[in-house]
């Protein structure tokens, strides 16, 4: 099976390429940093429609996992045109090419398609993003649904993992590094999510790819936590000093874009459908610790 992965140098894309290569997929990894050990590298700017068409014509993929996005929430608020081109327009172009080439599309969306007023969101709950990042990702979902492509929409929440990817460090690694240096860190107590280990997410997505499972799935961690509680769990798992954690509120953070209060995701559909289940936080952090020790 030919698998094309956009955003292959990112936190999720790297792990998908790595695991798919081990499972003997014919992997084409579209990114700017070449990682040939994880498949055949392809340089691709997803906002370039002509380049997208050339890549599809050249690779003739059976499946594409579209994980590339402008995920910097504040940058999406400041640069709305760039966010639209990257998160919505490119997704529309990819979906149309998937329909044309009979290619199965897995689109990595976000929990930020919800307004955060209630939490524990099911796939069938109404969407109502409160920032431009969530809006552009939701519009990407809508473009896919209108394209007539065969698709699966995957919504994760706060992805973290053991290796820095694409020059960015994720929350878990950032916190471990800060606490290891005995530095105090401010963490919000009033924002809840379903933190998702990238390895677990990659396993669930590749199972969907293998089975060509369609629809919308919440593919997130199985534990609802505030950012502060998540930080506490990380500190406990890695034997770091919890006293260095300084609780704060969202209103005191220097954010440009609004953040939804509670975008925790209900993962019952994934639990009942997939063999690779969403992990509870304790098991996910145990796996993270093991991965870090082996890296």
C-alpha atoms as a PDB file:
ATOM      1  CA  UNK A   1       0.000   0.000   0.000  1.00  0.00           C
ATOM      2  CA  UNK A   2       1.330   3.418  -0.979  1.00  0.00           C
ATOM      3  CA  UNK A   3       0.975   5.878   1.896  1.00  0.00           C
ATOM      4  CA  UNK A   4       1.595   9.613   1.524  1.00  0.00           C
ATOM      5  CA  UNK A   5       2.024  11.567   4.771  1.00  0.00           C
ATOM      6  CA  UNK A   6       1.935  15.368   4.866  1.00  0.00           C
ATOM      7  CA  UNK A   7       3.589  17.065   7.806  1.00  0.00           C
ATOM      8  CA  UNK A   8       5.936  14.110   8.088  1.00  0.00           C
ATOM      9  CA  UNK A   9       8.496  16.070  10.109  1.00  0.00           C
ATOM     10  CA  UNK A  10       5.875  16.935  12.741  1.00  0.00           C
ATOM     11  CA  UNK A  11       5.159  15.261  16.050  1.00  0.00           C
ATOM     12  CA  UNK A  12       2.492  12.947  14.632  1.00  0.00           C
ATOM     13  CA  UNK A  13       3.730  12.635  11.046  1.00  0.00           C
ATOM     14  CA  UNK A  14       7.169  11.438  12.131  1.00  0.00           C
ATOM     15  CA  UNK A  15       5.646   8.670  14.232  1.00  0.00           C
ATOM     16  CA  UNK A  16       3.217   7.600  11.493  1.00  0.00           C
ATOM     17  CA  UNK A  17       6.046   7.342   8.945  1.00  0.00           C
ATOM     18  CA  UNK A  18       8.210   5.410  11.398  1.00  0.00           C
ATOM     19  CA  UNK A  19       5.506   2.890  12.277  1.00  0.00           C
ATOM     20  CA  UNK A  20       4.194   2.544   8.714  1.00  0.00           C
ATOM     21  CA  UNK A  21       7.702   1.796   7.436  1.00  0.00           C
ATOM     22  CA  UNK A  22       8.035  -0.972  10.024  1.00  0.00           C
ATOM     23  CA  UNK A  23       4.700  -2.362   8.820  1.00  0.00           C
ATOM     24  CA  UNK A  24       6.043  -2.481   5.247  1.00  0.00           C
ATOM     25  CA  UNK A  25       3.976   0.344   3.815  1.00  0.00           C
ATOM     26  CA  UNK A  26       5.436   2.095   0.791  1.00  0.00           C
ATOM     27  CA  UNK A  27       5.768   5.455   2.567  1.00  0.00           C
ATOM     28  CA  UNK A  28       6.187   8.853   0.924  1.00  0.00           C
ATOM     29  CA  UNK A  29       6.985  11.451   3.569  1.00  0.00           C
ATOM     30  CA  UNK A  30       6.151  14.990   2.499  1.00  0.00           C
ATOM     31  CA  UNK A  31       8.060  17.548   4.534  1.00  0.00           C
ATOM     32  CA  UNK A  32      10.939  19.994   4.386  1.00  0.00           C
ATOM     33  CA  UNK A  33      13.378  17.990   6.547  1.00  0.00           C
ATOM     34  CA  UNK A  34      14.382  14.757   4.848  1.00  0.00           C
ATOM     35  CA  UNK A  35      14.069  11.652   6.973  1.00  0.00           C
ATOM     36  CA  UNK A  36      14.841   8.883   4.452  1.00  0.00           C
ATOM     37  CA  UNK A  37      14.862   6.149   7.092  1.00  0.00           C
ATOM     38  CA  UNK A  38      11.109   6.707   7.437  1.00  0.00           C
ATOM     39  CA  UNK A  39      10.257   6.305   3.777  1.00  0.00           C
ATOM     40  CA  UNK A  40      10.871   8.142   0.527  1.00  0.00           C
ATOM     41  CA  UNK A  41      11.205  11.878   1.255  1.00  0.00           C
ATOM     42  CA  UNK A  42       9.226  14.302  -0.885  1.00  0.00           C
ATOM     43  CA  UNK A  43       9.544  18.056  -0.546  1.00  0.00           C
ATOM     44  CA  UNK A  44       6.084  19.590  -0.645  1.00  0.00           C
ATOM     45  CA  UNK A  45       4.487  22.940   0.091  1.00  0.00           C
ATOM     46  CA  UNK A  46       0.857  21.987   0.670  1.00  0.00           C
ATOM     47  CA  UNK A  47      -0.330  25.516  -0.180  1.00  0.00           C
ATOM     48  CA  UNK A  48       1.009  25.069  -3.737  1.00  0.00           C
ATOM     49  CA  UNK A  49      -1.834  23.474  -5.711  1.00  0.00           C
ATOM     50  CA  UNK A  50       0.346  22.634  -8.713  1.00  0.00           C
ATOM     51  CA  UNK A  51       2.920  20.933  -6.493  1.00  0.00           C
ATOM     52  CA  UNK A  52       0.175  18.886  -4.846  1.00  0.00           C
ATOM     53  CA  UNK A  53      -1.069  17.669  -8.236  1.00  0.00           C
ATOM     54  CA  UNK A  54       2.472  16.714  -9.271  1.00  0.00           C
ATOM     55  CA  UNK A  55       3.021  14.731  -6.072  1.00  0.00           C
ATOM     56  CA  UNK A  56      -0.231  12.818  -6.545  1.00  0.00           C
ATOM     57  CA  UNK A  57       0.614  12.110 -10.193  1.00  0.00           C
ATOM     58  CA  UNK A  58       4.114  10.963  -9.271  1.00  0.00           C
ATOM     59  CA  UNK A  59       3.397   8.830  -6.184  1.00  0.00           C
ATOM     60  CA  UNK A  60      -0.137   7.617  -6.995  1.00  0.00           C
ATOM     61  CA  UNK A  61      -0.932   7.037  -3.301  1.00  0.00           C
ATOM     62  CA  UNK A  62      -3.573   4.606  -2.084  1.00  0.00           C
ATOM     63  CA  UNK A  63      -3.912   6.537   1.168  1.00  0.00           C
ATOM     64  CA  UNK A  64      -2.914   9.994   2.369  1.00  0.00           C
ATOM     65  CA  UNK A  65      -2.654  10.989   6.028  1.00  0.00           C
ATOM     66  CA  UNK A  66      -2.940  14.769   6.014  1.00  0.00           C
ATOM     67  CA  UNK A  67      -1.331  15.882   9.276  1.00  0.00           C
ATOM     68  CA  UNK A  68       0.321  19.090   8.043  1.00  0.00           C
ATOM     69  CA  UNK A  69      -1.209  22.264   9.494  1.00  0.00           C
ATOM     70  CA  UNK A  70      -0.511  25.692  10.872  1.00  0.00           C
ATOM     71  CA  UNK A  71      -1.156  24.691  14.485  1.00  0.00           C
ATOM     72  CA  UNK A  72       0.231  27.769  16.236  1.00  0.00           C
ATOM     73  CA  UNK A  73      -3.052  29.067  17.665  1.00  0.00           C
ATOM     74  CA  UNK A  74      -1.887  32.655  18.129  1.00  0.00           C
ATOM     75  CA  UNK A  75      -0.232  32.811  14.708  1.00  0.00           C
ATOM     76  CA  UNK A  76      -3.490  31.620  13.137  1.00  0.00           C
ATOM     77  CA  UNK A  77      -5.211  34.557  14.837  1.00  0.00           C
ATOM     78  CA  UNK A  78      -2.627  37.068  13.631  1.00  0.00           C
ATOM     79  CA  UNK A  79      -2.173  35.708  10.097  1.00  0.00           C
ATOM     80  CA  UNK A  80      -5.665  34.694   9.039  1.00  0.00           C
ATOM     81  CA  UNK A  81      -4.881  34.442   5.307  1.00  0.00           C
ATOM     82  CA  UNK A  82      -1.953  32.100   5.936  1.00  0.00           C
ATOM     83  CA  UNK A  83      -4.063  29.983   8.296  1.00  0.00           C
ATOM     84  CA  UNK A  84      -6.845  29.728   5.687  1.00  0.00           C
ATOM     85  CA  UNK A  85      -4.446  28.747   2.897  1.00  0.00           C
ATOM     86  CA  UNK A  86      -2.638  26.187   5.058  1.00  0.00           C
ATOM     87  CA  UNK A  87      -5.489  24.627   7.002  1.00  0.00           C
ATOM     88  CA  UNK A  88      -8.528  25.010   4.747  1.00  0.00           C
ATOM     89  CA  UNK A  89      -7.593  25.678   1.129  1.00  0.00           C
ATOM     90  CA  UNK A  90      -4.849  23.038   1.003  1.00  0.00           C
ATOM     91  CA  UNK A  91      -7.167  20.507   2.639  1.00  0.00           C
ATOM     92  CA  UNK A  92      -9.804  21.209   0.006  1.00  0.00           C
ATOM     93  CA  UNK A  93      -7.259  20.674  -2.770  1.00  0.00           C
ATOM     94  CA  UNK A  94      -6.034  17.433  -1.204  1.00  0.00           C
ATOM     95  CA  UNK A  95      -9.595  16.148  -0.799  1.00  0.00           C
ATOM     96  CA  UNK A  96     -10.405  16.848  -4.460  1.00  0.00           C
ATOM     97  CA  UNK A  97      -7.239  15.059  -5.557  1.00  0.00           C
ATOM     98  CA  UNK A  98      -8.147  12.104  -3.339  1.00  0.00           C
ATOM     99  CA  UNK A  99     -11.529  11.867  -5.047  1.00  0.00           C
ATOM    100  CA  UNK A 100      -9.908  12.085  -8.471  1.00  0.00           C
ATOM    101  CA  UNK A 101      -7.284   9.409  -7.686  1.00  0.00           C
ATOM    102  CA  UNK A 102      -9.572   7.139  -5.603  1.00  0.00           C
ATOM    103  CA  UNK A 103      -7.264   7.742  -2.645  1.00  0.00           C
ATOM    104  CA  UNK A 104      -8.447   7.242   0.957  1.00  0.00           C
ATOM    105  CA  UNK A 105      -7.955  10.386   3.049  1.00  0.00           C
ATOM    106  CA  UNK A 106      -7.289  10.579   6.786  1.00  0.00           C
ATOM    107  CA  UNK A 107      -7.493  14.179   7.944  1.00  0.00           C
ATOM    108  CA  UNK A 108      -6.004  15.093  11.313  1.00  0.00           C
ATOM    109  CA  UNK A 109      -8.292  17.768  12.754  1.00  0.00           C
ATOM    110  CA  UNK A 110      -8.465  19.111  16.317  1.00  0.00           C
ATOM    111  CA  UNK A 111     -10.497  19.344  19.521  1.00  0.00           C
ATOM    112  CA  UNK A 112     -10.554  23.120  18.962  1.00  0.00           C
ATOM    113  CA  UNK A 113     -13.507  22.733  16.577  1.00  0.00           C
ATOM    114  CA  UNK A 114     -15.580  22.883  19.805  1.00  0.00           C
ATOM    115  CA  UNK A 115     -16.285  25.965  21.925  1.00  0.00           C
ATOM    116  CA  UNK A 116     -15.240  24.284  25.173  1.00  0.00           C
ATOM    117  CA  UNK A 117     -18.382  25.091  27.138  1.00  0.00           C
ATOM    118  CA  UNK A 118     -19.221  21.523  28.176  1.00  0.00           C
ATOM    119  CA  UNK A 119     -16.359  19.068  27.482  1.00  0.00           C
ATOM    120  CA  UNK A 120     -16.541  15.298  26.924  1.00  0.00           C
ATOM    121  CA  UNK A 121     -17.518  15.992  23.322  1.00  0.00           C
ATOM    122  CA  UNK A 122     -18.842  13.203  21.136  1.00  0.00           C
ATOM    123  CA  UNK A 123     -18.313  13.086  17.383  1.00  0.00           C
ATOM    124  CA  UNK A 124     -21.976  14.036  16.887  1.00  0.00           C
ATOM    125  CA  UNK A 125     -21.893  17.159  19.082  1.00  0.00           C
ATOM    126  CA  UNK A 126     -22.287  20.555  17.377  1.00  0.00           C
ATOM    127  CA  UNK A 127     -19.062  22.343  16.468  1.00  0.00           C
ATOM    128  CA  UNK A 128     -18.523  26.022  17.299  1.00  0.00           C
ATOM    129  CA  UNK A 129     -14.863  27.114  17.307  1.00  0.00           C
ATOM    130  CA  UNK A 130     -13.969  30.287  19.224  1.00  0.00           C
ATOM    131  CA  UNK A 131     -10.623  31.005  17.529  1.00  0.00           C
ATOM    132  CA  UNK A 132      -9.378  31.133  13.950  1.00  0.00           C
ATOM    133  CA  UNK A 133      -7.280  27.966  14.244  1.00  0.00           C
ATOM    134  CA  UNK A 134     -10.347  25.931  15.185  1.00  0.00           C
ATOM    135  CA  UNK A 135     -12.386  27.634  12.464  1.00  0.00           C
ATOM    136  CA  UNK A 136      -9.888  26.893   9.671  1.00  0.00           C
ATOM    137  CA  UNK A 137      -9.587  23.260  10.759  1.00  0.00           C
ATOM    138  CA  UNK A 138     -13.379  22.903  10.903  1.00  0.00           C
ATOM    139  CA  UNK A 139     -13.686  24.418   7.423  1.00  0.00           C
ATOM    140  CA  UNK A 140     -11.137  21.790   6.323  1.00  0.00           C
ATOM    141  CA  UNK A 141     -13.478  19.105   7.652  1.00  0.00           C
ATOM    142  CA  UNK A 142     -16.389  20.637   5.740  1.00  0.00           C
ATOM    143  CA  UNK A 143     -14.399  20.806   2.503  1.00  0.00           C
ATOM    144  CA  UNK A 144     -13.588  17.098   2.838  1.00  0.00           C
ATOM    145  CA  UNK A 145     -17.223  16.155   3.393  1.00  0.00           C
ATOM    146  CA  UNK A 146     -18.233  18.079   0.248  1.00  0.00           C
ATOM    147  CA  UNK A 147     -15.470  16.612  -1.925  1.00  0.00           C
ATOM    148  CA  UNK A 148     -16.952  13.099  -2.394  1.00  0.00           C
ATOM    149  CA  UNK A 149     -13.596  11.613  -1.347  1.00  0.00           C
ATOM    150  CA  UNK A 150     -13.521   8.527   0.859  1.00  0.00           C
ATOM    151  CA  UNK A 151     -12.346   9.890   4.197  1.00  0.00           C
ATOM    152  CA  UNK A 152     -11.854   9.601   7.916  1.00  0.00           C
ATOM    153  CA  UNK A 153     -11.618  12.699  10.115  1.00  0.00           C
ATOM    154  CA  UNK A 154      -9.485  12.152  13.229  1.00  0.00           C
ATOM    155  CA  UNK A 155      -9.707  14.619  16.107  1.00  0.00           C
ATOM    156  CA  UNK A 156      -6.920  14.416  18.696  1.00  0.00           C
ATOM    157  CA  UNK A 157      -6.186  16.737  21.644  1.00  0.00           C
ATOM    158  CA  UNK A 158      -2.855  18.155  22.909  1.00  0.00           C
ATOM    159  CA  UNK A 159      -0.482  15.761  21.116  1.00  0.00           C
ATOM    160  CA  UNK A 160       2.762  15.006  22.954  1.00  0.00           C
ATOM    161  CA  UNK A 161       5.651  12.582  22.438  1.00  0.00           C
ATOM    162  CA  UNK A 162       9.205  11.580  23.256  1.00  0.00           C
ATOM    163  CA  UNK A 163      11.120  13.297  20.442  1.00  0.00           C
ATOM    164  CA  UNK A 164      11.055  17.007  19.465  1.00  0.00           C
ATOM    165  CA  UNK A 165       9.704  17.307  15.930  1.00  0.00           C
ATOM    166  CA  UNK A 166       9.919  19.978  13.235  1.00  0.00           C
ATOM    167  CA  UNK A 167      11.990  22.200  15.480  1.00  0.00           C
ATOM    168  CA  UNK A 168       9.240  22.448  18.116  1.00  0.00           C
ATOM    169  CA  UNK A 169       9.106  20.987  21.605  1.00  0.00           C
ATOM    170  CA  UNK A 170       5.775  19.645  22.900  1.00  0.00           C
ATOM    171  CA  UNK A 171       4.287  20.393  26.318  1.00  0.00           C
ATOM    172  CA  UNK A 172       5.434  17.172  27.975  1.00  0.00           C
ATOM    173  CA  UNK A 173       9.074  17.485  26.866  1.00  0.00           C
ATOM    174  CA  UNK A 174       9.085  21.211  27.664  1.00  0.00           C
ATOM    175  CA  UNK A 175       7.834  20.543  31.193  1.00  0.00           C
ATOM    176  CA  UNK A 176      10.264  17.681  31.830  1.00  0.00           C
ATOM    177  CA  UNK A 177      13.142  19.876  30.703  1.00  0.00           C
ATOM    178  CA  UNK A 178      12.053  22.810  32.891  1.00  0.00           C
ATOM    179  CA  UNK A 179      11.530  20.701  36.009  1.00  0.00           C
ATOM    180  CA  UNK A 180      14.789  18.813  35.478  1.00  0.00           C
ATOM    181  CA  UNK A 181      16.535  22.212  35.565  1.00  0.00           C
ATOM    182  CA  UNK A 182      14.686  23.057  38.823  1.00  0.00           C
ATOM    183  CA  UNK A 183      12.854  25.916  37.093  1.00  0.00           C
ATOM    184  CA  UNK A 184       9.402  27.033  38.205  1.00  0.00           C
ATOM    185  CA  UNK A 185       6.667  26.770  35.557  1.00  0.00           C
ATOM    186  CA  UNK A 186       3.250  28.385  35.284  1.00  0.00           C
ATOM    187  CA  UNK A 187       0.478  26.037  34.195  1.00  0.00           C
ATOM    188  CA  UNK A 188      -3.223  26.822  33.848  1.00  0.00           C
ATOM    189  CA  UNK A 189      -5.760  25.126  36.072  1.00  0.00           C
ATOM    190  CA  UNK A 190      -8.863  26.128  34.102  1.00  0.00           C
ATOM    191  CA  UNK A 191      -8.281  24.506  30.703  1.00  0.00           C
ATOM    192  CA  UNK A 192      -9.177  20.836  30.232  1.00  0.00           C
ATOM    193  CA  UNK A 193      -8.185  18.511  27.390  1.00  0.00           C
ATOM    194  CA  UNK A 194      -7.585  14.835  26.561  1.00  0.00           C
ATOM    195  CA  UNK A 195      -3.774  14.734  26.106  1.00  0.00           C
ATOM    196  CA  UNK A 196      -2.801  12.309  23.338  1.00  0.00           C
ATOM    197  CA  UNK A 197       0.455  10.345  23.054  1.00  0.00           C
ATOM    198  CA  UNK A 198       1.636  10.545  19.441  1.00  0.00           C
ATOM    199  CA  UNK A 199       2.553   6.841  19.368  1.00  0.00           C
ATOM    200  CA  UNK A 200      -0.955   5.820  20.427  1.00  0.00           C
ATOM    201  CA  UNK A 201      -2.492   8.211  17.903  1.00  0.00           C
ATOM    202  CA  UNK A 202      -0.298   6.868  15.100  1.00  0.00           C
ATOM    203  CA  UNK A 203      -1.324   3.294  15.957  1.00  0.00           C
ATOM    204  CA  UNK A 204      -5.013   4.180  15.829  1.00  0.00           C
ATOM    205  CA  UNK A 205      -4.652   6.087  12.550  1.00  0.00           C
ATOM    206  CA  UNK A 206      -2.741   3.262  10.876  1.00  0.00           C
ATOM    207  CA  UNK A 207      -5.435   0.793  11.955  1.00  0.00           C
ATOM    208  CA  UNK A 208      -8.013   3.092  10.313  1.00  0.00           C
ATOM    209  CA  UNK A 209      -5.815   3.200   7.214  1.00  0.00           C
ATOM    210  CA  UNK A 210      -5.533  -0.602   7.153  1.00  0.00           C
ATOM    211  CA  UNK A 211      -9.292  -1.108   7.510  1.00  0.00           C
ATOM    212  CA  UNK A 212     -10.194   1.961   5.420  1.00  0.00           C
ATOM    213  CA  UNK A 213     -12.608   2.979   8.180  1.00  0.00           C
ATOM    214  CA  UNK A 214     -14.685   6.015   7.276  1.00  0.00           C
ATOM    215  CA  UNK A 215     -16.383   8.706   9.342  1.00  0.00           C
ATOM    216  CA  UNK A 216     -15.309  10.971  12.175  1.00  0.00           C
ATOM    217  CA  UNK A 217     -13.415   9.676  15.204  1.00  0.00           C
ATOM    218  CA  UNK A 218     -12.155  11.248  18.396  1.00  0.00           C
ATOM    219  CA  UNK A 219      -8.683   9.731  18.632  1.00  0.00           C
ATOM    220  CA  UNK A 220      -7.415  11.190  21.890  1.00  0.00           C
ATOM    221  CA  UNK A 221      -6.189  10.062  25.260  1.00  0.00           C
ATOM    222  CA  UNK A 222      -8.853   8.446  27.447  1.00  0.00           C
ATOM    223  CA  UNK A 223      -8.283  10.736  30.460  1.00  0.00           C
ATOM    224  CA  UNK A 224      -9.705  14.245  30.927  1.00  0.00           C
ATOM    225  CA  UNK A 225      -7.209  16.511  32.690  1.00  0.00           C
ATOM    226  CA  UNK A 226      -6.541  20.181  33.234  1.00  0.00           C
ATOM    227  CA  UNK A 227      -3.144  21.379  32.016  1.00  0.00           C
ATOM    228  CA  UNK A 228      -2.078  21.666  35.655  1.00  0.00           C
ATOM    229  CA  UNK A 229      -3.202  18.090  36.429  1.00  0.00           C
ATOM    230  CA  UNK A 230      -1.382  16.895  33.302  1.00  0.00           C
ATOM    231  CA  UNK A 231       1.769  18.626  34.541  1.00  0.00           C
ATOM    232  CA  UNK A 232       1.382  16.984  37.942  1.00  0.00           C
ATOM    233  CA  UNK A 233       1.076  13.541  36.347  1.00  0.00           C
ATOM    234  CA  UNK A 234       4.200  14.158  34.247  1.00  0.00           C
ATOM    235  CA  UNK A 235       6.167  15.300  37.305  1.00  0.00           C
ATOM    236  CA  UNK A 236       5.025  12.229  39.259  1.00  0.00           C
ATOM    237  CA  UNK A 237       5.897   9.806  36.452  1.00  0.00           C
ATOM    238  CA  UNK A 238       9.387  11.243  35.950  1.00  0.00           C
ATOM    239  CA  UNK A 239      10.133  11.753  39.672  1.00  0.00           C
ATOM    240  CA  UNK A 240      10.369  15.519  39.310  1.00  0.00           C
ATOM    241  CA  UNK A 241       9.516  18.191  41.867  1.00  0.00           C
ATOM    242  CA  UNK A 242       5.801  19.060  41.721  1.00  0.00           C
ATOM    243  CA  UNK A 243       6.422  22.031  44.006  1.00  0.00           C
ATOM    244  CA  UNK A 244       7.983  23.827  41.032  1.00  0.00           C
ATOM    245  CA  UNK A 245       4.572  23.905  39.328  1.00  0.00           C
ATOM    246  CA  UNK A 246       2.852  27.253  39.726  1.00  0.00           C
ATOM    247  CA  UNK A 247      -0.909  27.157  39.118  1.00  0.00           C
ATOM    248  CA  UNK A 248      -2.356  30.070  37.174  1.00  0.00           C
ATOM    249  CA  UNK A 249      -5.484  30.945  35.185  1.00  0.00           C
ATOM    250  CA  UNK A 250      -5.992  31.370  31.443  1.00  0.00           C
ATOM    251  CA  UNK A 251      -6.804  35.066  31.804  1.00  0.00           C
ATOM    252  CA  UNK A 252      -3.286  35.689  33.130  1.00  0.00           C
ATOM    253  CA  UNK A 253      -1.588  34.079  30.134  1.00  0.00           C
ATOM    254  CA  UNK A 254      -0.263  36.343  27.347  1.00  0.00           C
ATOM    255  CA  UNK A 255      -2.250  34.609  24.631  1.00  0.00           C
ATOM    256  CA  UNK A 256      -3.574  36.440  21.579  1.00  0.00           C
ATOM    257  CA  UNK A 257      -6.295  33.951  20.622  1.00  0.00           C
ATOM    258  CA  UNK A 258      -9.054  32.736  22.909  1.00  0.00           C
ATOM    259  CA  UNK A 259      -8.674  29.189  24.198  1.00  0.00           C
ATOM    260  CA  UNK A 260     -11.735  27.013  24.805  1.00  0.00           C
ATOM    261  CA  UNK A 261     -12.193  26.057  28.458  1.00  0.00           C
ATOM    262  CA  UNK A 262     -12.922  22.336  28.130  1.00  0.00           C
ATOM    263  CA  UNK A 263     -12.367  20.450  24.861  1.00  0.00           C
ATOM    264  CA  UNK A 264     -11.973  17.000  26.405  1.00  0.00           C
ATOM    265  CA  UNK A 265     -13.102  14.342  23.935  1.00  0.00           C
ATOM    266  CA  UNK A 266     -15.339  11.331  24.391  1.00  0.00           C
ATOM    267  CA  UNK A 267     -13.428   8.376  22.901  1.00  0.00           C
ATOM    268  CA  UNK A 268     -16.045   5.637  23.328  1.00  0.00           C
ATOM    269  CA  UNK A 269     -16.535   5.266  19.567  1.00  0.00           C
ATOM    270  CA  UNK A 270     -12.808   4.618  19.070  1.00  0.00           C
ATOM    271  CA  UNK A 271     -12.774   2.199  22.027  1.00  0.00           C
ATOM    272  CA  UNK A 272     -15.586   0.142  20.508  1.00  0.00           C
ATOM    273  CA  UNK A 273     -14.330   0.297  16.908  1.00  0.00           C
ATOM    274  CA  UNK A 274     -10.550  -0.112  17.107  1.00  0.00           C
ATOM    275  CA  UNK A 275      -8.242  -2.796  18.417  1.00  0.00           C
ATOM    276  CA  UNK A 276      -5.732  -0.076  19.307  1.00  0.00           C
ATOM    277  CA  UNK A 277      -7.563   1.688  22.126  1.00  0.00           C
ATOM    278  CA  UNK A 278      -7.128   5.255  23.387  1.00  0.00           C
ATOM    279  CA  UNK A 279      -4.749   5.027  26.351  1.00  0.00           C
ATOM    280  CA  UNK A 280      -5.431   6.074  29.918  1.00  0.00           C
ATOM    281  CA  UNK A 281      -2.992   8.721  31.128  1.00  0.00           C
ATOM    282  CA  UNK A 282      -1.039   6.409  33.433  1.00  0.00           C
ATOM    283  CA  UNK A 283      -0.311   3.921  30.637  1.00  0.00           C
ATOM    284  CA  UNK A 284       0.469   6.659  28.120  1.00  0.00           C
ATOM    285  CA  UNK A 285       3.002   8.317  30.426  1.00  0.00           C
ATOM    286  CA  UNK A 286       4.595   4.944  31.197  1.00  0.00           C
ATOM    287  CA  UNK A 287       5.076   4.454  27.466  1.00  0.00           C
ATOM    288  CA  UNK A 288       6.438   7.973  27.119  1.00  0.00           C
ATOM    289  CA  UNK A 289       8.967   7.332  29.873  1.00  0.00           C
ATOM    290  CA  UNK A 290      10.083   4.113  28.202  1.00  0.00           C
ATOM    291  CA  UNK A 291      10.397   5.821  24.797  1.00  0.00           C
ATOM    292  CA  UNK A 292      12.498   8.640  26.270  1.00  0.00           C
ATOM    293  CA  UNK A 293      14.820   6.153  27.988  1.00  0.00           C
ATOM    294  CA  UNK A 294      15.330   4.320  24.690  1.00  0.00           C
ATOM    295  CA  UNK A 295      15.876   7.424  22.541  1.00  0.00           C
END
